[in-house]
Amino acid sequence: MKVVNRKMLKKSLLKCLILPFSLVPWLCVGTLFDSQANALPGQSTEEVGTWIKAHPTLRPRSGELLFVQKTDTAAQRFTFQASVLPPGRVQFSKDRGTIRSERISMYDAINGMTFARLQESLRVIYGLEIYQDYDRAQVVYQYPNQKVINSARLAKTPIREALKGELRVGDRYVYWVEIAQPKSGKAFTGQMTVLLKTDLDKLEGELQIR
């Protein structure tokens, strides 16, 4: 039994190494203990705020409520934001008491950014159940497609070609993952957003014409 436990612990620690720089101490806590997510889109701002405050990984500073930021150097940043608005273009919302999206954003100019790191961060923060919902989710939209690539090159707008992402629909939530991958070199920024299924059409439509 001791051998098994050591192997499991070693595996968990190795996973920490693909996570952001100095954020490893925070994110490894979640990896080792795999705490269950108790607040997600669809819940009240009070419930989500309380969950963020007590979260062993997020550990907000005094004054931080629905927005948490951790910075090691100017080259490395991590943010978590819960919002009463859906992702994408800002629109008026009558309900200001319900969270509709939660976003993990990372910037790492030293080690670069990958989809794998964003996916692991999702598991660390939300636990295995949400990660499995994401992992089993159906990909409904991916970008850029060839039409967007050709248009970006013609218009000389490399950022449109650099943005690579996808929308996935799980049993519980929609997941939007994106990195900025230049034509040559590695990606430095990325984000993973968990949102309500009711906001899928809005976001997908905006991404298609962005």
N, C-alpha and C. Protein backbone atom coordinates (compact mmCIF):
# COMPACT_ATOMS: atom_id res chain seq x y z
N MET A 1 0.83 -1.20 0.00
CA MET A 1 0.00 0.00 0.00
C MET A 1 0.86 1.25 0.00
N LYS A 2 1.98 1.21 0.74
CA LYS A 2 2.86 2.36 0.81
C LYS A 2 3.47 2.66 -0.55
N VAL A 3 3.80 1.59 -1.29
CA VAL A 3 4.40 1.79 -2.61
C VAL A 3 3.41 2.47 -3.54
N VAL A 4 2.16 2.02 -3.50
CA VAL A 4 1.11 2.61 -4.33
C VAL A 4 0.93 4.08 -4.00
N ASN A 5 0.89 4.41 -2.73
CA ASN A 5 0.69 5.79 -2.32
C ASN A 5 1.84 6.68 -2.79
N ARG A 6 3.05 6.16 -2.72
CA ARG A 6 4.20 6.94 -3.16
C ARG A 6 4.13 7.19 -4.66
N LYS A 7 3.70 6.17 -5.40
CA LYS A 7 3.58 6.34 -6.85
C LYS A 7 2.52 7.38 -7.19
N MET A 8 1.39 7.33 -6.47
CA MET A 8 0.32 8.28 -6.70
C MET A 8 0.78 9.69 -6.37
N LEU A 9 1.52 9.83 -5.27
CA LEU A 9 2.01 11.14 -4.87
C LEU A 9 2.99 11.67 -5.90
N LYS A 10 3.88 10.80 -6.38
CA LYS A 10 4.86 11.22 -7.38
C LYS A 10 4.17 11.66 -8.65
N LYS A 11 3.12 10.94 -9.06
CA LYS A 11 2.36 11.29 -10.25
C LYS A 11 1.70 12.64 -10.10
N SER A 12 1.13 12.91 -8.91
CA SER A 12 0.49 14.19 -8.65
C SER A 12 1.50 15.33 -8.70
N LEU A 13 2.66 15.11 -8.12
CA LEU A 13 3.70 16.14 -8.11
C LEU A 13 4.21 16.43 -9.50
N LEU A 14 4.33 15.38 -10.33
CA LEU A 14 4.79 15.58 -11.69
C LEU A 14 3.79 16.41 -12.48
N LYS A 15 2.51 16.23 -12.20
CA LYS A 15 1.50 17.03 -12.88
C LYS A 15 1.65 18.50 -12.55
N CYS A 16 2.09 18.77 -11.34
CA CYS A 16 2.27 20.15 -10.93
C CYS A 16 3.30 20.87 -11.79
N LEU A 17 4.26 20.10 -12.29
CA LEU A 17 5.37 20.70 -13.02
C LEU A 17 4.93 21.31 -14.33
N ILE A 18 3.79 20.90 -14.89
CA ILE A 18 3.34 21.48 -16.15
C ILE A 18 2.46 22.71 -15.90
N LEU A 19 2.24 23.02 -14.64
CA LEU A 19 1.42 24.17 -14.30
C LEU A 19 2.29 25.39 -14.13
N PRO A 20 1.70 26.57 -14.02
CA PRO A 20 2.46 27.80 -14.06
C PRO A 20 3.46 27.98 -12.92
N PHE A 21 4.74 28.16 -13.26
CA PHE A 21 5.80 28.77 -12.49
C PHE A 21 5.56 28.84 -11.00
N SER A 22 5.49 30.05 -10.44
CA SER A 22 5.32 30.20 -9.00
C SER A 22 3.91 29.88 -8.55
N LEU A 23 2.99 29.63 -9.49
CA LEU A 23 1.63 29.24 -9.10
C LEU A 23 1.61 27.78 -8.69
N VAL A 24 2.68 27.07 -8.96
CA VAL A 24 2.73 25.65 -8.61
C VAL A 24 2.37 25.40 -7.15
N PRO A 25 2.89 26.17 -6.17
CA PRO A 25 2.50 25.91 -4.78
C PRO A 25 0.99 25.95 -4.55
N TRP A 26 0.31 26.87 -5.23
CA TRP A 26 -1.14 26.95 -5.06
C TRP A 26 -1.84 25.82 -5.82
N LEU A 27 -1.46 25.62 -7.08
CA LEU A 27 -2.14 24.64 -7.91
C LEU A 27 -1.85 23.22 -7.47
N CYS A 28 -0.68 22.99 -6.88
CA CYS A 28 -0.37 21.64 -6.40
C CYS A 28 -1.26 21.24 -5.23
N VAL A 29 -1.68 22.21 -4.44
CA VAL A 29 -2.60 21.89 -3.33
C VAL A 29 -3.85 21.25 -3.89
N GLY A 30 -4.39 21.85 -4.95
CA GLY A 30 -5.57 21.28 -5.56
C GLY A 30 -5.30 19.94 -6.19
N THR A 31 -4.11 19.78 -6.80
CA THR A 31 -3.78 18.53 -7.44
C THR A 31 -3.70 17.39 -6.44
N LEU A 32 -3.07 17.65 -5.30
CA LEU A 32 -2.86 16.60 -4.31
C LEU A 32 -4.15 16.22 -3.58
N PHE A 33 -4.95 17.21 -3.30
CA PHE A 33 -6.16 16.94 -2.52
C PHE A 33 -7.42 16.85 -3.37
N ASP A 34 -7.33 17.35 -4.63
CA ASP A 34 -8.44 17.20 -5.58
C ASP A 34 -9.77 17.64 -4.98
N SER A 35 -9.81 18.84 -4.43
CA SER A 35 -11.01 19.33 -3.75
C SER A 35 -12.18 19.47 -4.71
N GLN A 36 -13.37 19.19 -4.22
CA GLN A 36 -14.58 19.22 -5.03
C GLN A 36 -15.03 20.65 -5.27
N ALA A 37 -15.49 20.92 -6.50
CA ALA A 37 -16.00 22.25 -6.82
C ALA A 37 -17.37 22.43 -6.18
N ASN A 38 -17.54 23.50 -5.43
CA ASN A 38 -18.81 23.76 -4.76
C ASN A 38 -19.53 24.97 -5.31
N ALA A 39 -18.92 25.68 -6.24
CA ALA A 39 -19.56 26.86 -6.82
C ALA A 39 -19.20 26.94 -8.29
N LEU A 40 -20.23 27.08 -9.13
CA LEU A 40 -20.05 27.09 -10.57
C LEU A 40 -21.09 28.02 -11.20
N PRO A 41 -20.96 28.33 -12.50
CA PRO A 41 -21.96 29.15 -13.16
C PRO A 41 -23.38 28.62 -12.90
N GLY A 42 -24.28 29.55 -12.66
CA GLY A 42 -25.66 29.18 -12.32
C GLY A 42 -25.95 29.38 -10.85
N GLN A 43 -24.90 29.55 -10.05
CA GLN A 43 -25.08 29.78 -8.62
C GLN A 43 -24.96 31.28 -8.31
N SER A 44 -25.32 31.64 -7.10
CA SER A 44 -25.35 33.05 -6.73
C SER A 44 -23.94 33.61 -6.54
N THR A 45 -23.83 34.92 -6.65
CA THR A 45 -22.54 35.58 -6.45
C THR A 45 -22.04 35.34 -5.03
N GLU A 46 -22.95 35.24 -4.05
CA GLU A 46 -22.56 35.01 -2.67
C GLU A 46 -21.96 33.61 -2.52
N GLU A 47 -22.59 32.61 -3.13
CA GLU A 47 -22.08 31.24 -3.03
C GLU A 47 -20.71 31.13 -3.69
N VAL A 48 -20.58 31.72 -4.87
CA VAL A 48 -19.32 31.64 -5.59
C VAL A 48 -18.23 32.41 -4.86
N GLY A 49 -18.58 33.59 -4.33
CA GLY A 49 -17.61 34.38 -3.58
C GLY A 49 -17.09 33.65 -2.35
N THR A 50 -18.00 32.97 -1.65
CA THR A 50 -17.61 32.20 -0.46
C THR A 50 -16.70 31.05 -0.85
N TRP A 51 -17.02 30.38 -1.95
CA TRP A 51 -16.20 29.26 -2.43
C TRP A 51 -14.79 29.72 -2.81
N ILE A 52 -14.71 30.84 -3.52
CA ILE A 52 -13.40 31.38 -3.92
C ILE A 52 -12.57 31.71 -2.69
N LYS A 53 -13.20 32.34 -1.72
CA LYS A 53 -12.49 32.74 -0.51
C LYS A 53 -11.91 31.55 0.24
N ALA A 54 -12.62 30.42 0.24
CA ALA A 54 -12.19 29.24 0.99
C ALA A 54 -11.35 28.29 0.14
N HIS A 55 -11.18 28.57 -1.14
CA HIS A 55 -10.51 27.64 -2.03
C HIS A 55 -9.00 27.58 -1.73
N PRO A 56 -8.45 26.39 -1.48
CA PRO A 56 -7.02 26.27 -1.13
C PRO A 56 -6.08 26.60 -2.29
N THR A 57 -6.58 26.59 -3.50
CA THR A 57 -5.76 26.92 -4.66
C THR A 57 -5.83 28.40 -5.00
N LEU A 58 -7.02 28.96 -5.01
CA LEU A 58 -7.18 30.36 -5.42
C LEU A 58 -6.66 31.34 -4.37
N ARG A 59 -6.96 31.10 -3.11
CA ARG A 59 -6.45 31.92 -2.01
C ARG A 59 -6.48 33.42 -2.32
N PRO A 60 -7.64 34.02 -2.44
CA PRO A 60 -7.71 35.45 -2.77
C PRO A 60 -7.10 36.33 -1.68
N ARG A 61 -6.57 37.45 -2.10
CA ARG A 61 -6.03 38.43 -1.16
C ARG A 61 -7.17 39.28 -0.61
N SER A 62 -6.86 40.05 0.39
CA SER A 62 -7.87 40.94 0.97
C SER A 62 -8.40 41.88 -0.10
N GLY A 63 -9.72 41.95 -0.20
CA GLY A 63 -10.34 42.82 -1.19
C GLY A 63 -10.72 42.12 -2.47
N GLU A 64 -10.14 40.94 -2.72
CA GLU A 64 -10.50 40.17 -3.91
C GLU A 64 -11.73 39.33 -3.61
N LEU A 65 -12.71 39.38 -4.49
CA LEU A 65 -13.93 38.62 -4.27
C LEU A 65 -14.20 37.67 -5.43
N LEU A 66 -14.62 38.23 -6.57
CA LEU A 66 -14.91 37.41 -7.74
C LEU A 66 -13.78 37.45 -8.75
N PHE A 67 -12.73 38.20 -8.45
CA PHE A 67 -11.57 38.29 -9.33
C PHE A 67 -10.30 38.07 -8.51
N VAL A 68 -9.52 37.06 -8.89
CA VAL A 68 -8.29 36.73 -8.17
C VAL A 68 -7.13 36.82 -9.15
N GLN A 69 -6.06 37.49 -8.76
CA GLN A 69 -4.89 37.60 -9.62
C GLN A 69 -3.63 37.24 -8.85
N LYS A 70 -2.78 36.44 -9.49
CA LYS A 70 -1.51 36.06 -8.89
C LYS A 70 -0.41 36.34 -9.91
N THR A 71 0.62 37.05 -9.47
CA THR A 71 1.70 37.43 -10.37
C THR A 71 3.04 37.10 -9.72
N ASP A 72 3.88 36.43 -10.48
CA ASP A 72 5.23 36.14 -10.01
C ASP A 72 6.17 37.24 -10.50
N THR A 73 6.21 37.41 -11.82
CA THR A 73 6.98 38.48 -12.45
C THR A 73 6.10 39.07 -13.54
N ALA A 74 6.64 40.07 -14.23
CA ALA A 74 5.89 40.66 -15.34
C ALA A 74 5.68 39.65 -16.46
N ALA A 75 6.46 38.59 -16.44
CA ALA A 75 6.38 37.59 -17.51
C ALA A 75 5.44 36.45 -17.19
N GLN A 76 4.86 36.41 -15.99
CA GLN A 76 4.03 35.29 -15.58
C GLN A 76 2.84 35.76 -14.74
N ARG A 77 1.64 35.44 -15.20
CA ARG A 77 0.43 35.86 -14.47
C ARG A 77 -0.65 34.77 -14.53
N PHE A 78 -1.48 34.78 -13.50
CA PHE A 78 -2.62 33.87 -13.44
C PHE A 78 -3.81 34.65 -12.89
N THR A 79 -4.97 34.53 -13.52
CA THR A 79 -6.17 35.18 -13.01
C THR A 79 -7.35 34.21 -13.06
N PHE A 80 -8.25 34.41 -12.11
CA PHE A 80 -9.52 33.67 -12.08
C PHE A 80 -10.62 34.69 -11.89
N GLN A 81 -11.62 34.66 -12.75
CA GLN A 81 -12.70 35.64 -12.66
C GLN A 81 -14.06 34.98 -12.84
N ALA A 82 -14.95 35.25 -11.90
CA ALA A 82 -16.34 34.81 -12.00
C ALA A 82 -17.16 36.04 -12.37
N SER A 83 -18.07 35.88 -13.33
CA SER A 83 -18.81 37.04 -13.84
C SER A 83 -20.30 36.76 -13.94
N VAL A 84 -21.09 37.80 -13.75
CA VAL A 84 -22.54 37.69 -13.92
C VAL A 84 -22.92 37.85 -15.39
N LEU A 85 -21.92 38.11 -16.23
CA LEU A 85 -22.15 38.26 -17.67
C LEU A 85 -21.64 37.04 -18.42
N PRO A 86 -22.24 36.72 -19.56
CA PRO A 86 -21.72 35.62 -20.38
C PRO A 86 -20.43 36.06 -21.05
N PRO A 87 -19.58 35.13 -21.46
CA PRO A 87 -18.34 35.52 -22.14
C PRO A 87 -18.63 36.11 -23.52
N GLY A 88 -17.68 36.86 -24.03
CA GLY A 88 -17.87 37.48 -25.33
C GLY A 88 -18.25 38.94 -25.20
N ARG A 89 -18.97 39.43 -26.18
CA ARG A 89 -19.36 40.83 -26.18
C ARG A 89 -20.26 41.14 -24.98
N VAL A 90 -20.01 42.29 -24.38
CA VAL A 90 -20.77 42.69 -23.21
C VAL A 90 -22.21 43.01 -23.60
N GLN A 91 -23.15 42.50 -22.85
CA GLN A 91 -24.55 42.80 -23.06
C GLN A 91 -25.24 43.00 -21.72
N PHE A 92 -26.36 43.68 -21.76
CA PHE A 92 -27.09 43.99 -20.53
C PHE A 92 -27.65 42.71 -19.90
N SER A 93 -27.54 42.63 -18.59
CA SER A 93 -28.08 41.49 -17.87
C SER A 93 -28.95 41.98 -16.71
N LYS A 94 -30.18 41.52 -16.67
CA LYS A 94 -31.09 41.90 -15.59
C LYS A 94 -30.72 41.22 -14.28
N ASP A 95 -30.20 40.01 -14.39
CA ASP A 95 -29.85 39.23 -13.19
C ASP A 95 -28.39 39.50 -12.83
N ARG A 96 -28.19 40.31 -11.80
CA ARG A 96 -26.83 40.63 -11.36
C ARG A 96 -26.41 39.81 -10.16
N GLY A 97 -27.24 38.83 -9.82
CA GLY A 97 -26.94 38.03 -8.63
C GLY A 97 -26.55 36.59 -8.93
N THR A 98 -26.48 36.24 -10.24
CA THR A 98 -26.16 34.87 -10.62
C THR A 98 -24.92 34.85 -11.51
N ILE A 99 -23.98 34.00 -11.18
CA ILE A 99 -22.77 33.86 -11.98
C ILE A 99 -23.09 33.08 -13.25
N ARG A 100 -22.62 33.61 -14.40
CA ARG A 100 -22.89 32.95 -15.68
C ARG A 100 -21.63 32.38 -16.33
N SER A 101 -20.47 32.84 -15.90
CA SER A 101 -19.23 32.30 -16.46
C SER A 101 -18.08 32.46 -15.48
N GLU A 102 -17.13 31.53 -15.56
CA GLU A 102 -15.93 31.59 -14.73
C GLU A 102 -14.73 31.32 -15.64
N ARG A 103 -13.74 32.18 -15.54
CA ARG A 103 -12.63 32.13 -16.49
C ARG A 103 -11.28 32.02 -15.80
N ILE A 104 -10.47 31.06 -16.29
CA ILE A 104 -9.08 30.90 -15.87
C ILE A 104 -8.22 31.48 -16.99
N SER A 105 -7.37 32.43 -16.68
CA SER A 105 -6.48 33.02 -17.69
C SER A 105 -5.04 32.89 -17.20
N MET A 106 -4.14 32.54 -18.13
CA MET A 106 -2.74 32.42 -17.77
C MET A 106 -1.84 33.04 -18.84
N TYR A 107 -0.77 33.66 -18.38
CA TYR A 107 0.24 34.23 -19.26
C TYR A 107 1.60 33.77 -18.75
N ASP A 108 2.38 33.16 -19.62
CA ASP A 108 3.69 32.66 -19.23
C ASP A 108 4.66 32.84 -20.40
N ALA A 109 5.41 33.92 -20.34
CA ALA A 109 6.38 34.22 -21.40
C ALA A 109 7.66 33.42 -21.25
N ILE A 110 7.78 32.66 -20.16
CA ILE A 110 8.99 31.88 -19.92
C ILE A 110 8.81 30.44 -20.40
N ASN A 111 7.74 29.80 -19.97
CA ASN A 111 7.52 28.39 -20.31
C ASN A 111 6.54 28.17 -21.45
N GLY A 112 5.80 29.22 -21.81
CA GLY A 112 4.81 29.08 -22.86
C GLY A 112 3.50 28.51 -22.32
N MET A 113 2.48 28.47 -23.18
CA MET A 113 1.15 28.02 -22.78
C MET A 113 0.66 26.95 -23.75
N THR A 114 -0.03 25.94 -23.21
CA THR A 114 -0.58 24.86 -24.02
C THR A 114 -2.00 24.54 -23.57
N PHE A 115 -2.73 23.83 -24.42
CA PHE A 115 -4.06 23.37 -24.04
C PHE A 115 -3.97 22.44 -22.84
N ALA A 116 -2.91 21.63 -22.77
CA ALA A 116 -2.76 20.67 -21.68
C ALA A 116 -2.67 21.39 -20.34
N ARG A 117 -1.96 22.50 -20.28
CA ARG A 117 -1.83 23.23 -19.01
C ARG A 117 -3.16 23.84 -18.59
N LEU A 118 -3.92 24.33 -19.56
CA LEU A 118 -5.23 24.89 -19.24
C LEU A 118 -6.19 23.79 -18.75
N GLN A 119 -6.13 22.65 -19.39
CA GLN A 119 -6.99 21.53 -18.99
C GLN A 119 -6.64 21.05 -17.59
N GLU A 120 -5.35 20.98 -17.28
CA GLU A 120 -4.95 20.55 -15.94
C GLU A 120 -5.35 21.57 -14.89
N SER A 121 -5.27 22.85 -15.24
CA SER A 121 -5.70 23.90 -14.32
C SER A 121 -7.20 23.78 -14.02
N LEU A 122 -7.97 23.41 -15.03
CA LEU A 122 -9.41 23.18 -14.82
C LEU A 122 -9.61 22.08 -13.79
N ARG A 123 -8.85 20.99 -13.91
CA ARG A 123 -9.00 19.88 -12.97
C ARG A 123 -8.57 20.26 -11.56
N VAL A 124 -7.48 21.02 -11.48
CA VAL A 124 -6.97 21.43 -10.18
C VAL A 124 -7.97 22.31 -9.45
N ILE A 125 -8.57 23.24 -10.14
CA ILE A 125 -9.47 24.20 -9.51
C ILE A 125 -10.85 23.61 -9.23
N TYR A 126 -11.38 22.82 -10.17
CA TYR A 126 -12.75 22.34 -10.04
C TYR A 126 -12.89 20.90 -9.59
N GLY A 127 -11.83 20.13 -9.66
CA GLY A 127 -11.93 18.74 -9.25
C GLY A 127 -12.22 17.79 -10.41
N LEU A 128 -12.23 16.51 -10.10
CA LEU A 128 -12.32 15.46 -11.12
C LEU A 128 -13.65 15.44 -11.85
N GLU A 129 -14.75 15.71 -11.15
CA GLU A 129 -16.06 15.62 -11.77
C GLU A 129 -16.21 16.59 -12.93
N ILE A 130 -15.81 17.85 -12.73
CA ILE A 130 -15.92 18.84 -13.79
C ILE A 130 -14.91 18.55 -14.89
N TYR A 131 -13.72 18.11 -14.52
CA TYR A 131 -12.72 17.76 -15.53
C TYR A 131 -13.24 16.64 -16.43
N GLN A 132 -13.88 15.65 -15.84
CA GLN A 132 -14.42 14.55 -16.64
C GLN A 132 -15.57 15.01 -17.53
N ASP A 133 -16.36 15.96 -17.05
CA ASP A 133 -17.42 16.52 -17.88
C ASP A 133 -16.80 17.21 -19.10
N TYR A 134 -15.71 17.93 -18.87
CA TYR A 134 -14.99 18.58 -19.97
C TYR A 134 -14.38 17.53 -20.91
N ASP A 135 -13.76 16.53 -20.35
CA ASP A 135 -13.06 15.52 -21.14
C ASP A 135 -14.02 14.74 -22.03
N ARG A 136 -15.24 14.52 -21.54
CA ARG A 136 -16.23 13.77 -22.32
C ARG A 136 -17.06 14.66 -23.22
N ALA A 137 -16.89 15.97 -23.10
CA ALA A 137 -17.71 16.92 -23.83
C ALA A 137 -17.49 16.84 -25.35
N GLN A 138 -18.53 17.18 -26.09
CA GLN A 138 -18.47 17.15 -27.55
C GLN A 138 -17.94 18.48 -28.08
N VAL A 139 -16.97 18.41 -28.98
CA VAL A 139 -16.45 19.62 -29.62
C VAL A 139 -17.45 20.07 -30.68
N VAL A 140 -17.99 21.28 -30.53
CA VAL A 140 -19.00 21.78 -31.47
C VAL A 140 -18.45 22.87 -32.39
N TYR A 141 -17.31 23.43 -32.03
CA TYR A 141 -16.71 24.45 -32.89
C TYR A 141 -15.22 24.56 -32.61
N GLN A 142 -14.42 24.60 -33.68
CA GLN A 142 -12.98 24.77 -33.57
C GLN A 142 -12.53 25.89 -34.51
N TYR A 143 -11.50 26.59 -34.13
CA TYR A 143 -10.98 27.66 -34.98
C TYR A 143 -9.47 27.80 -34.77
N PRO A 144 -8.75 28.39 -35.74
CA PRO A 144 -9.31 28.97 -36.97
C PRO A 144 -9.48 27.89 -38.04
N ASN A 145 -10.47 28.03 -38.89
CA ASN A 145 -10.60 27.14 -40.05
C ASN A 145 -9.82 27.77 -41.21
N GLN A 146 -9.78 27.06 -42.31
CA GLN A 146 -8.96 27.53 -43.43
C GLN A 146 -9.44 28.87 -43.98
N LYS A 147 -10.75 29.08 -43.95
CA LYS A 147 -11.32 30.33 -44.44
C LYS A 147 -10.82 31.50 -43.62
N VAL A 148 -10.80 31.34 -42.30
CA VAL A 148 -10.33 32.40 -41.42
C VAL A 148 -8.83 32.64 -41.62
N ILE A 149 -8.08 31.55 -41.78
CA ILE A 149 -6.64 31.68 -41.99
C ILE A 149 -6.34 32.46 -43.27
N ASN A 150 -7.04 32.11 -44.35
CA ASN A 150 -6.83 32.80 -45.62
C ASN A 150 -7.22 34.26 -45.52
N SER A 151 -8.34 34.54 -44.84
CA SER A 151 -8.80 35.92 -44.68
C SER A 151 -7.82 36.73 -43.84
N ALA A 152 -7.29 36.12 -42.78
CA ALA A 152 -6.34 36.81 -41.91
C ALA A 152 -5.05 37.14 -42.65
N ARG A 153 -4.60 36.23 -43.47
CA ARG A 153 -3.37 36.46 -44.22
C ARG A 153 -3.57 37.55 -45.28
N LEU A 154 -4.72 37.54 -45.91
CA LEU A 154 -5.03 38.55 -46.92
C LEU A 154 -5.13 39.93 -46.30
N ALA A 155 -5.74 39.99 -45.11
CA ALA A 155 -5.93 41.27 -44.43
C ALA A 155 -4.72 41.66 -43.58
N LYS A 156 -3.73 40.77 -43.54
CA LYS A 156 -2.52 40.99 -42.74
C LYS A 156 -2.85 41.26 -41.27
N THR A 157 -3.71 40.37 -40.74
CA THR A 157 -4.09 40.43 -39.32
C THR A 157 -3.68 39.11 -38.67
N PRO A 158 -2.40 38.96 -38.34
CA PRO A 158 -1.89 37.67 -37.82
C PRO A 158 -2.53 37.22 -36.52
N ILE A 159 -3.09 38.13 -35.73
CA ILE A 159 -3.70 37.73 -34.46
C ILE A 159 -4.90 36.83 -34.70
N ARG A 160 -5.64 37.05 -35.78
CA ARG A 160 -6.81 36.20 -36.08
C ARG A 160 -6.38 34.77 -36.38
N GLU A 161 -5.26 34.66 -37.07
CA GLU A 161 -4.73 33.33 -37.39
C GLU A 161 -4.10 32.68 -36.16
N ALA A 162 -3.57 33.51 -35.28
CA ALA A 162 -2.87 32.99 -34.10
C ALA A 162 -3.82 32.42 -33.05
N LEU A 163 -5.05 32.94 -32.98
CA LEU A 163 -5.99 32.48 -31.97
C LEU A 163 -6.53 31.10 -32.32
N LYS A 164 -6.22 30.14 -31.47
CA LYS A 164 -6.66 28.76 -31.69
C LYS A 164 -7.49 28.31 -30.50
N GLY A 165 -8.67 27.78 -30.79
CA GLY A 165 -9.52 27.37 -29.68
C GLY A 165 -10.65 26.47 -30.09
N GLU A 166 -11.47 26.14 -29.11
CA GLU A 166 -12.61 25.28 -29.36
C GLU A 166 -13.68 25.47 -28.30
N LEU A 167 -14.89 25.12 -28.67
CA LEU A 167 -16.03 25.09 -27.76
C LEU A 167 -16.44 23.64 -27.58
N ARG A 168 -16.62 23.25 -26.32
CA ARG A 168 -17.07 21.89 -26.01
C ARG A 168 -18.35 21.96 -25.20
N VAL A 169 -19.28 21.08 -25.48
CA VAL A 169 -20.53 21.01 -24.72
C VAL A 169 -20.55 19.71 -23.93
N GLY A 170 -20.54 19.85 -22.60
CA GLY A 170 -20.60 18.69 -21.73
C GLY A 170 -22.01 18.46 -21.23
N ASP A 171 -22.17 17.50 -20.36
CA ASP A 171 -23.49 17.24 -19.76
C ASP A 171 -23.92 18.39 -18.87
N ARG A 172 -22.94 19.06 -18.23
CA ARG A 172 -23.27 20.11 -17.27
C ARG A 172 -23.00 21.52 -17.79
N TYR A 173 -21.87 21.70 -18.47
CA TYR A 173 -21.48 23.05 -18.88
C TYR A 173 -20.88 23.07 -20.27
N VAL A 174 -20.68 24.31 -20.76
CA VAL A 174 -19.94 24.54 -21.99
C VAL A 174 -18.55 25.00 -21.60
N TYR A 175 -17.56 24.57 -22.36
CA TYR A 175 -16.16 24.91 -22.07
C TYR A 175 -15.54 25.58 -23.29
N TRP A 176 -14.94 26.74 -23.08
CA TRP A 176 -14.27 27.47 -24.15
C TRP A 176 -12.80 27.58 -23.79
N VAL A 177 -11.95 26.97 -24.60
CA VAL A 177 -10.52 27.01 -24.35
C VAL A 177 -9.83 27.68 -25.54
N GLU A 178 -8.85 28.52 -25.26
CA GLU A 178 -8.20 29.28 -26.34
C GLU A 178 -6.77 29.62 -25.96
N ILE A 179 -5.87 29.53 -26.94
CA ILE A 179 -4.50 30.02 -26.77
C ILE A 179 -4.15 30.89 -27.97
N ALA A 180 -3.18 31.77 -27.79
CA ALA A 180 -2.69 32.61 -28.89
C ALA A 180 -1.39 31.99 -29.37
N GLN A 181 -1.47 31.25 -30.47
CA GLN A 181 -0.32 30.51 -31.00
C GLN A 181 0.18 31.18 -32.27
N PRO A 182 1.28 31.91 -32.22
CA PRO A 182 1.80 32.57 -33.42
C PRO A 182 2.25 31.55 -34.47
N LYS A 183 2.39 32.02 -35.71
CA LYS A 183 2.77 31.14 -36.81
C LYS A 183 4.11 30.47 -36.53
N SER A 184 5.02 31.21 -35.95
CA SER A 184 6.31 30.65 -35.55
C SER A 184 6.54 30.98 -34.08
N GLY A 185 6.99 30.00 -33.32
CA GLY A 185 7.19 30.22 -31.89
C GLY A 185 6.08 29.60 -31.08
N LYS A 186 6.16 29.75 -29.76
CA LYS A 186 5.19 29.14 -28.87
C LYS A 186 4.17 30.14 -28.35
N ALA A 187 3.05 29.60 -27.87
CA ALA A 187 2.01 30.44 -27.29
C ALA A 187 2.41 30.87 -25.89
N PHE A 188 2.03 32.08 -25.53
CA PHE A 188 2.34 32.60 -24.19
C PHE A 188 1.08 32.83 -23.36
N THR A 189 -0.08 32.97 -24.00
CA THR A 189 -1.31 33.25 -23.27
C THR A 189 -2.38 32.21 -23.59
N GLY A 190 -3.28 32.02 -22.63
CA GLY A 190 -4.38 31.10 -22.85
C GLY A 190 -5.46 31.29 -21.81
N GLN A 191 -6.65 30.80 -22.10
CA GLN A 191 -7.75 30.91 -21.16
C GLN A 191 -8.68 29.72 -21.28
N MET A 192 -9.30 29.37 -20.17
CA MET A 192 -10.31 28.32 -20.10
C MET A 192 -11.53 28.90 -19.40
N THR A 193 -12.68 28.90 -20.09
CA THR A 193 -13.90 29.48 -19.52
C THR A 193 -14.97 28.42 -19.39
N VAL A 194 -15.61 28.38 -18.23
CA VAL A 194 -16.75 27.51 -17.98
C VAL A 194 -18.00 28.38 -18.04
N LEU A 195 -18.98 28.02 -18.86
CA LEU A 195 -20.16 28.85 -19.02
C LEU A 195 -21.43 28.02 -19.10
N LEU A 196 -22.55 28.70 -18.95
CA LEU A 196 -23.85 28.04 -19.00
C LEU A 196 -24.20 27.64 -20.43
N LYS A 197 -24.92 26.54 -20.58
CA LYS A 197 -25.32 26.08 -21.91
C LYS A 197 -26.20 27.09 -22.63
N THR A 198 -26.96 27.87 -21.87
CA THR A 198 -27.85 28.86 -22.48
C THR A 198 -27.09 29.96 -23.20
N ASP A 199 -25.79 30.09 -22.91
CA ASP A 199 -24.99 31.14 -23.55
C ASP A 199 -24.13 30.61 -24.69
N LEU A 200 -24.30 29.34 -25.05
CA LEU A 200 -23.49 28.74 -26.11
C LEU A 200 -23.71 29.43 -27.45
N ASP A 201 -24.96 29.60 -27.87
CA ASP A 201 -25.25 30.16 -29.19
C ASP A 201 -24.66 31.56 -29.34
N LYS A 202 -24.78 32.37 -28.30
CA LYS A 202 -24.24 33.72 -28.35
C LYS A 202 -22.74 33.70 -28.58
N LEU A 203 -22.02 32.92 -27.79
CA LEU A 203 -20.57 32.88 -27.89
C LEU A 203 -20.12 32.28 -29.22
N GLU A 204 -20.74 31.18 -29.62
CA GLU A 204 -20.34 30.54 -30.88
C GLU A 204 -20.55 31.49 -32.06
N GLY A 205 -21.67 32.20 -32.07
CA GLY A 205 -21.94 33.15 -33.14
C GLY A 205 -20.91 34.26 -33.20
N GLU A 206 -20.49 34.75 -32.05
CA GLU A 206 -19.49 35.83 -31.99
C GLU A 206 -18.12 35.34 -32.43
N LEU A 207 -17.77 34.12 -32.05
CA LEU A 207 -16.47 33.56 -32.46
C LEU A 207 -16.41 33.35 -33.97
N GLN A 208 -17.52 32.97 -34.55
CA GLN A 208 -17.54 32.69 -35.98
C GLN A 208 -17.35 33.93 -36.86
N ILE A 209 -17.70 35.10 -36.31
CA ILE A 209 -17.57 36.33 -37.09
C ILE A 209 -16.51 37.25 -36.53
N ARG A 210 -15.73 36.78 -35.58
CA ARG A 210 -14.72 37.63 -34.92
C ARG A 210 -13.63 38.03 -35.90
